[in-house]
PDB file of N, CA and C in Angstrom:
ATOM      1  N   MET A   1       0.826  -1.195   0.000  1.00  0.00           N
ATOM      2  CA  MET A   1       0.000   0.000   0.000  1.00  0.00           C
ATOM      3  C   MET A   1       0.871   1.260   0.000  1.00  0.00           C
ATOM      4  N   VAL A   2       1.928   1.249   0.770  1.00  0.00           N
ATOM      5  CA  VAL A   2       2.769   2.443   0.884  1.00  0.00           C
ATOM      6  C   VAL A   2       3.511   2.707  -0.417  1.00  0.00           C
ATOM      7  N   PHE A   3       4.253   1.717  -0.887  1.00  0.00           N
ATOM      8  CA  PHE A   3       5.081   1.942  -2.063  1.00  0.00           C
ATOM      9  C   PHE A   3       4.274   1.914  -3.354  1.00  0.00           C
ATOM     10  N   GLY A   4       3.134   1.263  -3.360  1.00  0.00           N
ATOM     11  CA  GLY A   4       2.254   1.328  -4.520  1.00  0.00           C
ATOM     12  C   GLY A   4       1.745   2.738  -4.726  1.00  0.00           C
ATOM     13  N   TYR A   5       1.372   3.385  -3.640  1.00  0.00           N
ATOM     14  CA  TYR A   5       0.905   4.768  -3.699  1.00  0.00           C
ATOM     15  C   TYR A   5       2.020   5.691  -4.181  1.00  0.00           C
ATOM     16  N   ILE A   6       3.215   5.516  -3.611  1.00  0.00           N
ATOM     17  CA  ILE A   6       4.346   6.355  -4.016  1.00  0.00           C
ATOM     18  C   ILE A   6       4.680   6.106  -5.484  1.00  0.00           C
ATOM     19  N   GLY A   7       4.646   4.843  -5.892  1.00  0.00           N
ATOM     20  CA  GLY A   7       4.930   4.514  -7.283  1.00  0.00           C
ATOM     21  C   GLY A   7       3.957   5.157  -8.252  1.00  0.00           C
ATOM     22  N   ASP A   8       2.704   5.234  -7.868  1.00  0.00           N
ATOM     23  CA  ASP A   8       1.703   5.876  -8.718  1.00  0.00           C
ATOM     24  C   ASP A   8       1.934   7.377  -8.806  1.00  0.00           C
ATOM     25  N   ARG A   9       2.433   7.961  -7.760  1.00  0.00           N
ATOM     26  CA  ARG A   9       2.620   9.415  -7.714  1.00  0.00           C
ATOM     27  C   ARG A   9       3.919   9.881  -8.366  1.00  0.00           C
ATOM     28  N   VAL A  10       5.030   9.205  -8.091  1.00  0.00           N
ATOM     29  CA  VAL A  10       6.330   9.699  -8.562  1.00  0.00           C
ATOM     30  C   VAL A  10       7.036   8.755  -9.526  1.00  0.00           C
ATOM     31  N   GLY A  11       6.506   7.579  -9.729  1.00  0.00           N
ATOM     32  CA  GLY A  11       7.105   6.631 -10.666  1.00  0.00           C
ATOM     33  C   GLY A  11       7.735   5.442  -9.968  1.00  0.00           C
ATOM     34  N   ARG A  12       7.763   4.327 -10.686  1.00  0.00           N
ATOM     35  CA  ARG A  12       8.265   3.083 -10.103  1.00  0.00           C
ATOM     36  C   ARG A  12       9.778   3.088  -9.905  1.00  0.00           C
ATOM     37  N   LYS A  13      10.490   3.737 -10.813  1.00  0.00           N
ATOM     38  CA  LYS A  13      11.950   3.743 -10.685  1.00  0.00           C
ATOM     39  C   LYS A  13      12.383   4.433  -9.397  1.00  0.00           C
ATOM     40  N   TYR A  14      11.844   5.605  -9.138  1.00  0.00           N
ATOM     41  CA  TYR A  14      12.169   6.340  -7.913  1.00  0.00           C
ATOM     42  C   TYR A  14      11.727   5.553  -6.680  1.00  0.00           C
ATOM     43  N   THR A  15      10.574   4.941  -6.756  1.00  0.00           N
ATOM     44  CA  THR A  15      10.066   4.150  -5.637  1.00  0.00           C
ATOM     45  C   THR A  15      10.967   2.954  -5.367  1.00  0.00           C
ATOM     46  N   PHE A  16      11.446   2.304  -6.424  1.00  0.00           N
ATOM     47  CA  PHE A  16      12.354   1.176  -6.255  1.00  0.00           C
ATOM     48  C   PHE A  16      13.648   1.629  -5.576  1.00  0.00           C
ATOM     49  N   LEU A  17      14.137   2.801  -5.943  1.00  0.00           N
ATOM     50  CA  LEU A  17      15.328   3.342  -5.283  1.00  0.00           C
ATOM     51  C   LEU A  17      15.076   3.610  -3.799  1.00  0.00           C
ATOM     52  N   ILE A  18      13.888   4.075  -3.473  1.00  0.00           N
ATOM     53  CA  ILE A  18      13.543   4.309  -2.062  1.00  0.00           C
ATOM     54  C   ILE A  18      13.523   2.984  -1.302  1.00  0.00           C
ATOM     55  N   THR A  19      12.944   1.954  -1.898  1.00  0.00           N
ATOM     56  CA  THR A  19      12.896   0.663  -1.202  1.00  0.00           C
ATOM     57  C   THR A  19      14.292   0.088  -1.010  1.00  0.00           C
ATOM     58  N   MET A  20      15.150   0.240  -2.009  1.00  0.00           N
ATOM     59  CA  MET A  20      16.524  -0.255  -1.888  1.00  0.00           C
ATOM     60  C   MET A  20      17.269   0.501  -0.782  1.00  0.00           C
ATOM     61  N   ALA A  21      17.104   1.807  -0.745  1.00  0.00           N
ATOM     62  CA  ALA A  21      17.771   2.611   0.285  1.00  0.00           C
ATOM     63  C   ALA A  21      17.234   2.278   1.674  1.00  0.00           C
ATOM     64  N   THR A  22      15.931   2.080   1.779  1.00  0.00           N
ATOM     65  CA  THR A  22      15.335   1.724   3.066  1.00  0.00           C
ATOM     66  C   THR A  22      15.865   0.394   3.563  1.00  0.00           C
ATOM     67  N   MET A  23      15.943  -0.587   2.669  1.00  0.00           N
ATOM     68  CA  MET A  23      16.468  -1.895   3.053  1.00  0.00           C
ATOM     69  C   MET A  23      17.936  -1.787   3.449  1.00  0.00           C
ATOM     70  N   GLY A  24      18.723  -1.096   2.672  1.00  0.00           N
ATOM     71  CA  GLY A  24      20.148  -0.970   2.968  1.00  0.00           C
ATOM     72  C   GLY A  24      20.411  -0.231   4.265  1.00  0.00           C
ATOM     73  N   LEU A  25      19.711   0.860   4.470  1.00  0.00           N
ATOM     74  CA  LEU A  25      19.910   1.649   5.680  1.00  0.00           C
ATOM     75  C   LEU A  25      19.468   0.892   6.925  1.00  0.00           C
ATOM     76  N   SER A  26      18.302   0.262   6.868  1.00  0.00           N
ATOM     77  CA  SER A  26      17.826  -0.468   8.041  1.00  0.00           C
ATOM     78  C   SER A  26      18.722  -1.665   8.344  1.00  0.00           C
ATOM     79  N   THR A  27      19.256  -2.318   7.319  1.00  0.00           N
ATOM     80  CA  THR A  27      20.160  -3.446   7.533  1.00  0.00           C
ATOM     81  C   THR A  27      21.477  -2.967   8.138  1.00  0.00           C
ATOM     82  N   ALA A  28      22.005  -1.854   7.631  1.00  0.00           N
ATOM     83  CA  ALA A  28      23.253  -1.304   8.183  1.00  0.00           C
ATOM     84  C   ALA A  28      23.069  -0.875   9.637  1.00  0.00           C
ATOM     85  N   LEU A  29      21.933  -0.281   9.936  1.00  0.00           N
ATOM     86  CA  LEU A  29      21.682   0.167  11.313  1.00  0.00           C
ATOM     87  C   LEU A  29      21.544  -1.002  12.281  1.00  0.00           C
ATOM     88  N   LEU A  30      21.137  -2.172  11.789  1.00  0.00           N
ATOM     89  CA  LEU A  30      21.075  -3.351  12.661  1.00  0.00           C
ATOM     90  C   LEU A  30      22.444  -3.659  13.258  1.00  0.00           C
ATOM     91  N   GLY A  31      23.481  -3.441  12.471  1.00  0.00           N
ATOM     92  CA  GLY A  31      24.828  -3.698  12.952  1.00  0.00           C
ATOM     93  C   GLY A  31      25.316  -2.688  13.962  1.00  0.00           C
ATOM     94  N   LEU A  32      24.641  -1.553  14.070  1.00  0.00           N
ATOM     95  CA  LEU A  32      25.037  -0.499  14.997  1.00  0.00           C
ATOM     96  C   LEU A  32      24.173  -0.442  16.251  1.00  0.00           C
ATOM     97  N   LEU A  33      23.257  -1.388  16.377  1.00  0.00           N
ATOM     98  CA  LEU A  33      22.359  -1.363  17.536  1.00  0.00           C
ATOM     99  C   LEU A  33      23.123  -1.548  18.844  1.00  0.00           C
ATOM    100  N   PRO A  34      22.719  -0.815  19.871  1.00  0.00           N
ATOM    101  CA  PRO A  34      23.313  -1.052  21.192  1.00  0.00           C
ATOM    102  C   PRO A  34      22.790  -2.368  21.769  1.00  0.00           C
ATOM    103  N   THR A  35      23.462  -2.884  22.746  1.00  0.00           N
ATOM    104  CA  THR A  35      23.043  -4.146  23.359  1.00  0.00           C
ATOM    105  C   THR A  35      21.939  -3.908  24.380  1.00  0.00           C
ATOM    106  N   TYR A  36      21.279  -4.985  24.727  1.00  0.00           N
ATOM    107  CA  TYR A  36      20.244  -4.914  25.757  1.00  0.00           C
ATOM    108  C   TYR A  36      20.856  -4.506  27.095  1.00  0.00           C
ATOM    109  N   ALA A  37      22.077  -4.960  27.346  1.00  0.00           N
ATOM    110  CA  ALA A  37      22.750  -4.633  28.603  1.00  0.00           C
ATOM    111  C   ALA A  37      23.025  -3.137  28.728  1.00  0.00           C
ATOM    112  N   SER A  38      23.200  -2.449  27.605  1.00  0.00           N
ATOM    113  CA  SER A  38      23.539  -1.028  27.684  1.00  0.00           C
ATOM    114  C   SER A  38      22.317  -0.105  27.679  1.00  0.00           C
ATOM    115  N   VAL A  39      21.260  -0.456  26.968  1.00  0.00           N
ATOM    116  CA  VAL A  39      20.098   0.450  26.905  1.00  0.00           C
ATOM    117  C   VAL A  39      18.774  -0.218  27.260  1.00  0.00           C
ATOM    118  N   GLY A  40      18.796  -1.471  27.607  1.00  0.00           N
ATOM    119  CA  GLY A  40      17.579  -2.148  28.046  1.00  0.00           C
ATOM    120  C   GLY A  40      16.581  -2.398  26.922  1.00  0.00           C
ATOM    121  N   LEU A  41      15.318  -2.156  27.226  1.00  0.00           N
ATOM    122  CA  LEU A  41      14.242  -2.452  26.276  1.00  0.00           C
ATOM    123  C   LEU A  41      14.291  -1.589  25.019  1.00  0.00           C
ATOM    124  N   LEU A  42      14.993  -0.476  25.082  1.00  0.00           N
ATOM    125  CA  LEU A  42      15.129   0.354  23.888  1.00  0.00           C
ATOM    126  C   LEU A  42      15.813  -0.426  22.770  1.00  0.00           C
ATOM    127  N   ALA A  43      16.770  -1.270  23.113  1.00  0.00           N
ATOM    128  CA  ALA A  43      17.450  -2.093  22.105  1.00  0.00           C
ATOM    129  C   ALA A  43      16.459  -3.021  21.411  1.00  0.00           C
ATOM    130  N   THR A  44      15.552  -3.595  22.176  1.00  0.00           N
ATOM    131  CA  THR A  44      14.538  -4.479  21.609  1.00  0.00           C
ATOM    132  C   THR A  44      13.595  -3.696  20.706  1.00  0.00           C
ATOM    133  N   ALA A  45      13.162  -2.528  21.149  1.00  0.00           N
ATOM    134  CA  ALA A  45      12.260  -1.704  20.349  1.00  0.00           C
ATOM    135  C   ALA A  45      12.928  -1.262  19.046  1.00  0.00           C
ATOM    136  N   LEU A  46      14.196  -0.886  19.109  1.00  0.00           N
ATOM    137  CA  LEU A  46      14.922  -0.486  17.905  1.00  0.00           C
ATOM    138  C   LEU A  46      15.074  -1.663  16.940  1.00  0.00           C
ATOM    139  N   LEU A  47      15.352  -2.829  17.476  1.00  0.00           N
ATOM    140  CA  LEU A  47      15.484  -4.023  16.645  1.00  0.00           C
ATOM    141  C   LEU A  47      14.177  -4.330  15.917  1.00  0.00           C
ATOM    142  N   VAL A  48      13.083  -4.311  16.645  1.00  0.00           N
ATOM    143  CA  VAL A  48      11.774  -4.588  16.041  1.00  0.00           C
ATOM    144  C   VAL A  48      11.434  -3.526  14.995  1.00  0.00           C
ATOM    145  N   GLY A  49      11.712  -2.269  15.300  1.00  0.00           N
ATOM    146  CA  GLY A  49      11.441  -1.195  14.342  1.00  0.00           C
ATOM    147  C   GLY A  49      12.231  -1.346  13.051  1.00  0.00           C
ATOM    148  N   LEU A  50      13.509  -1.682  13.177  1.00  0.00           N
ATOM    149  CA  LEU A  50      14.340  -1.864  11.985  1.00  0.00           C
ATOM    150  C   LEU A  50      13.914  -3.082  11.178  1.00  0.00           C
ATOM    151  N   ARG A  51      13.522  -4.144  11.852  1.00  0.00           N
ATOM    152  CA  ARG A  51      13.040  -5.333  11.135  1.00  0.00           C
ATOM    153  C   ARG A  51      11.712  -5.033  10.421  1.00  0.00           C
ATOM    154  N   LEU A  52      10.871  -4.200  11.028  1.00  0.00           N
ATOM    155  CA  LEU A  52       9.630  -3.795  10.362  1.00  0.00           C
ATOM    156  C   LEU A  52       9.935  -2.972   9.111  1.00  0.00           C
ATOM    157  N   LEU A  53      10.925  -2.090   9.196  1.00  0.00           N
ATOM    158  CA  LEU A  53      11.332  -1.323   8.020  1.00  0.00           C
ATOM    159  C   LEU A  53      11.858  -2.240   6.920  1.00  0.00           C
ATOM    160  N   GLN A  54      12.618  -3.258   7.300  1.00  0.00           N
ATOM    161  CA  GLN A  54      13.096  -4.218   6.310  1.00  0.00           C
ATOM    162  C   GLN A  54      11.931  -4.929   5.629  1.00  0.00           C
ATOM    163  N   GLY A  55      10.944  -5.327   6.399  1.00  0.00           N
ATOM    164  CA  GLY A  55       9.776  -6.002   5.827  1.00  0.00           C
ATOM    165  C   GLY A  55       8.990  -5.095   4.897  1.00  0.00           C
ATOM    166  N   LEU A  56       8.847  -3.839   5.289  1.00  0.00           N
ATOM    167  CA  LEU A  56       8.149  -2.874   4.441  1.00  0.00           C
ATOM    168  C   LEU A  56       8.904  -2.686   3.125  1.00  0.00           C
ATOM    169  N   ALA A  57      10.214  -2.542   3.221  1.00  0.00           N
ATOM    170  CA  ALA A  57      11.021  -2.366   2.013  1.00  0.00           C
ATOM    171  C   ALA A  57      10.957  -3.607   1.124  1.00  0.00           C
ATOM    172  N   LEU A  58      10.987  -4.778   1.727  1.00  0.00           N
ATOM    173  CA  LEU A  58      10.919  -6.011   0.945  1.00  0.00           C
ATOM    174  C   LEU A  58       9.611  -6.096   0.171  1.00  0.00           C
ATOM    175  N   GLY A  59       8.526  -5.742   0.805  1.00  0.00           N
ATOM    176  CA  GLY A  59       7.235  -5.757   0.122  1.00  0.00           C
ATOM    177  C   GLY A  59       7.221  -4.818  -1.078  1.00  0.00           C
ATOM    178  N   GLY A  60       7.820  -3.645  -0.918  1.00  0.00           N
ATOM    179  CA  GLY A  60       7.900  -2.702  -2.031  1.00  0.00           C
ATOM    180  C   GLY A  60       8.808  -3.185  -3.139  1.00  0.00           C
ATOM    181  N   GLU A  61       9.937  -3.782  -2.767  1.00  0.00           N
ATOM    182  CA  GLU A  61      10.874  -4.286  -3.772  1.00  0.00           C
ATOM    183  C   GLU A  61      10.264  -5.436  -4.564  1.00  0.00           C
ATOM    184  N   TYR A  62       9.601  -6.333  -3.876  1.00  0.00           N
ATOM    185  CA  TYR A  62       9.020  -7.501  -4.540  1.00  0.00           C
ATOM    186  C   TYR A  62       7.937  -7.078  -5.532  1.00  0.00           C
ATOM    187  N   GLY A  63       7.053  -6.227  -5.085  1.00  0.00           N
ATOM    188  CA  GLY A  63       5.986  -5.751  -5.974  1.00  0.00           C
ATOM    189  C   GLY A  63       6.524  -4.976  -7.161  1.00  0.00           C
ATOM    190  N   GLY A  64       7.519  -4.134  -6.905  1.00  0.00           N
ATOM    191  CA  GLY A  64       8.125  -3.359  -7.985  1.00  0.00           C
ATOM    192  C   GLY A  64       8.829  -4.243  -8.986  1.00  0.00           C
ATOM    193  N   ALA A  65       9.542  -5.251  -8.494  1.00  0.00           N
ATOM    194  CA  ALA A  65      10.244  -6.170  -9.390  1.00  0.00           C
ATOM    195  C   ALA A  65       9.262  -6.966 -10.241  1.00  0.00           C
ATOM    196  N   ALA A  66       8.191  -7.445  -9.626  1.00  0.00           N
ATOM    197  CA  ALA A  66       7.195  -8.217 -10.374  1.00  0.00           C
ATOM    198  C   ALA A  66       6.549  -7.373 -11.463  1.00  0.00           C
ATOM    199  N   THR A  67       6.230  -6.137 -11.140  1.00  0.00           N
ATOM    200  CA  THR A  67       5.620  -5.248 -12.128  1.00  0.00           C
ATOM    201  C   THR A  67       6.586  -4.943 -13.262  1.00  0.00           C
ATOM    202  N   TYR A  68       7.831  -4.651 -12.910  1.00  0.00           N
ATOM    203  CA  TYR A  68       8.836  -4.335 -13.923  1.00  0.00           C
ATOM    204  C   TYR A  68       9.046  -5.501 -14.884  1.00  0.00           C
ATOM    205  N   VAL A  69       9.203  -6.690 -14.339  1.00  0.00           N
ATOM    206  CA  VAL A  69       9.421  -7.866 -15.184  1.00  0.00           C
ATOM    207  C   VAL A  69       8.198  -8.118 -16.057  1.00  0.00           C
ATOM    208  N   ALA A  70       7.020  -8.043 -15.475  1.00  0.00           N
ATOM    209  CA  ALA A  70       5.796  -8.312 -16.235  1.00  0.00           C
ATOM    210  C   ALA A  70       5.611  -7.338 -17.395  1.00  0.00           C
ATOM    211  N   GLU A  71       6.089  -6.112 -17.230  1.00  0.00           N
ATOM    212  CA  GLU A  71       5.934  -5.115 -18.288  1.00  0.00           C
ATOM    213  C   GLU A  71       6.964  -5.256 -19.399  1.00  0.00           C
ATOM    214  N   HIS A  72       8.079  -5.925 -19.140  1.00  0.00           N
ATOM    215  CA  HIS A  72       9.173  -5.935 -20.098  1.00  0.00           C
ATOM    216  C   HIS A  72       9.489  -7.307 -20.694  1.00  0.00           C
ATOM    217  N   VAL A  73       8.595  -8.243 -20.589  1.00  0.00           N
ATOM    218  CA  VAL A  73       8.804  -9.559 -21.183  1.00  0.00           C
ATOM    219  C   VAL A  73       7.721  -9.806 -22.227  1.00  0.00           C
ATOM    220  N   PRO A  74       7.939 -10.773 -23.110  1.00  0.00           N
ATOM    221  CA  PRO A  74       6.901 -11.099 -24.100  1.00  0.00           C
ATOM    222  C   PRO A  74       5.608 -11.553 -23.406  1.00  0.00           C
ATOM    223  N   ASP A  75       4.492 -11.154 -23.949  1.00  0.00           N
ATOM    224  CA  ASP A  75       3.197 -11.479 -23.345  1.00  0.00           C
ATOM    225  C   ASP A  75       3.007 -12.974 -23.142  1.00  0.00           C
ATOM    226  N   ALA A  76       3.450 -13.783 -24.087  1.00  0.00           N
ATOM    227  CA  ALA A  76       3.250 -15.232 -24.007  1.00  0.00           C
ATOM    228  C   ALA A  76       4.085 -15.880 -22.897  1.00  0.00           C
ATOM    229  N   LYS A  77       5.125 -15.207 -22.419  1.00  0.00           N
ATOM    230  CA  LYS A  77       6.026 -15.772 -21.410  1.00  0.00           C
ATOM    231  C   LYS A  77       5.972 -15.014 -20.081  1.00  0.00           C
ATOM    232  N   ARG A  78       4.974 -14.191 -19.877  1.00  0.00           N
ATOM    233  CA  ARG A  78       4.904 -13.338 -18.690  1.00  0.00           C
ATOM    234  C   ARG A  78       4.925 -14.148 -17.390  1.00  0.00           C
ATOM    235  N   GLY A  79       4.119 -15.163 -17.297  1.00  0.00           N
ATOM    236  CA  GLY A  79       4.075 -15.991 -16.091  1.00  0.00           C
ATOM    237  C   GLY A  79       5.379 -16.725 -15.843  1.00  0.00           C
ATOM    238  N   TYR A  80       5.974 -17.208 -16.914  1.00  0.00           N
ATOM    239  CA  TYR A  80       7.245 -17.937 -16.800  1.00  0.00           C
ATOM    240  C   TYR A  80       8.341 -17.029 -16.250  1.00  0.00           C
ATOM    241  N   TYR A  81       8.476 -15.844 -16.813  1.00  0.00           N
ATOM    242  CA  TYR A  81       9.536 -14.936 -16.375  1.00  0.00           C
ATOM    243  C   TYR A  81       9.293 -14.387 -14.970  1.00  0.00           C
ATOM    244  N   THR A  82       8.056 -14.056 -14.649  1.00  0.00           N
ATOM    245  CA  THR A  82       7.797 -13.535 -13.307  1.00  0.00           C
ATOM    246  C   THR A  82       7.939 -14.618 -12.239  1.00  0.00           C
ATOM    247  N   SER A  83       7.839 -15.885 -12.631  1.00  0.00           N
ATOM    248  CA  SER A  83       8.024 -16.958 -11.651  1.00  0.00           C
ATOM    249  C   SER A  83       9.460 -17.002 -11.132  1.00  0.00           C
ATOM    250  N   PHE A  84      10.402 -16.474 -11.896  1.00  0.00           N
ATOM    251  CA  PHE A  84      11.791 -16.451 -11.442  1.00  0.00           C
ATOM    252  C   PHE A  84      11.988 -15.564 -10.222  1.00  0.00           C
ATOM    253  N   ILE A  85      11.153 -14.563 -10.045  1.00  0.00           N
ATOM    254  CA  ILE A  85      11.269 -13.687  -8.876  1.00  0.00           C
ATOM    255  C   ILE A  85      11.039 -14.496  -7.604  1.00  0.00           C
ATOM    256  N   GLN A  86       9.965 -15.258  -7.569  1.00  0.00           N
ATOM    257  CA  GLN A  86       9.668 -16.075  -6.394  1.00  0.00           C
ATOM    258  C   GLN A  86      10.663 -17.216  -6.244  1.00  0.00           C
ATOM    259  N   THR A  87      11.057 -17.825  -7.357  1.00  0.00           N
ATOM    260  CA  THR A  87      11.993 -18.953  -7.296  1.00  0.00           C
ATOM    261  C   THR A  87      13.332 -18.525  -6.723  1.00  0.00           C
ATOM    262  N   THR A  88      13.864 -17.407  -7.191  1.00  0.00           N
ATOM    263  CA  THR A  88      15.174 -16.969  -6.692  1.00  0.00           C
ATOM    264  C   THR A  88      15.086 -16.507  -5.241  1.00  0.00           C
ATOM    265  N   ALA A  89      13.957 -15.936  -4.849  1.00  0.00           N
ATOM    266  CA  ALA A  89      13.794 -15.561  -3.447  1.00  0.00           C
ATOM    267  C   ALA A  89      13.805 -16.797  -2.550  1.00  0.00           C
ATOM    268  N   THR A  90      13.163 -17.856  -2.999  1.00  0.00           N
ATOM    269  CA  THR A  90      13.126 -19.099  -2.233  1.00  0.00           C
ATOM    270  C   THR A  90      14.485 -19.774  -2.213  1.00  0.00           C
ATOM    271  N   LEU A  91      15.209 -19.716  -3.316  1.00  0.00           N
ATOM    272  CA  LEU A  91      16.545 -20.321  -3.353  1.00  0.00           C
ATOM    273  C   LEU A  91      17.509 -19.659  -2.381  1.00  0.00           C
ATOM    274  N   GLY A  92      17.232 -18.434  -2.012  1.00  0.00           N
ATOM    275  CA  GLY A  92      18.067 -17.747  -1.034  1.00  0.00           C
ATOM    276  C   GLY A  92      18.047 -18.405   0.333  1.00  0.00           C
ATOM    277  N   PHE A  93      17.023 -19.213   0.609  1.00  0.00           N
ATOM    278  CA  PHE A  93      16.942 -19.913   1.892  1.00  0.00           C
ATOM    279  C   PHE A  93      17.772 -21.172   1.924  1.00  0.00           C
ATOM    280  N   CYS A  94      18.205 -21.659   0.756  1.00  0.00           N
ATOM    281  CA  CYS A  94      18.970 -22.918   0.701  1.00  0.00           C
ATOM    282  C   CYS A  94      20.393 -22.746   1.151  1.00  0.00           C
TER     283      CYS A  94
END
């Protein structure tokens, strides 16, 4: 809902860049989090917040990638090519 709205307003390319930056920044900040011993529950809240940002960015990236691929492949092979998005995401767990 968030990135779909932004994509409609300013374009998918810019929106994709925002999702990439959000994912990169939130992932980098995970490495800079203070420990629970130093700041208590704030560390937990920051961790949950950053993971939520990662999830939001992932949703935007996935939708943007699917739309981009679907628009730029032959009509007869649209399902085949877009299936690679889900397949490669799943292969990342192996």
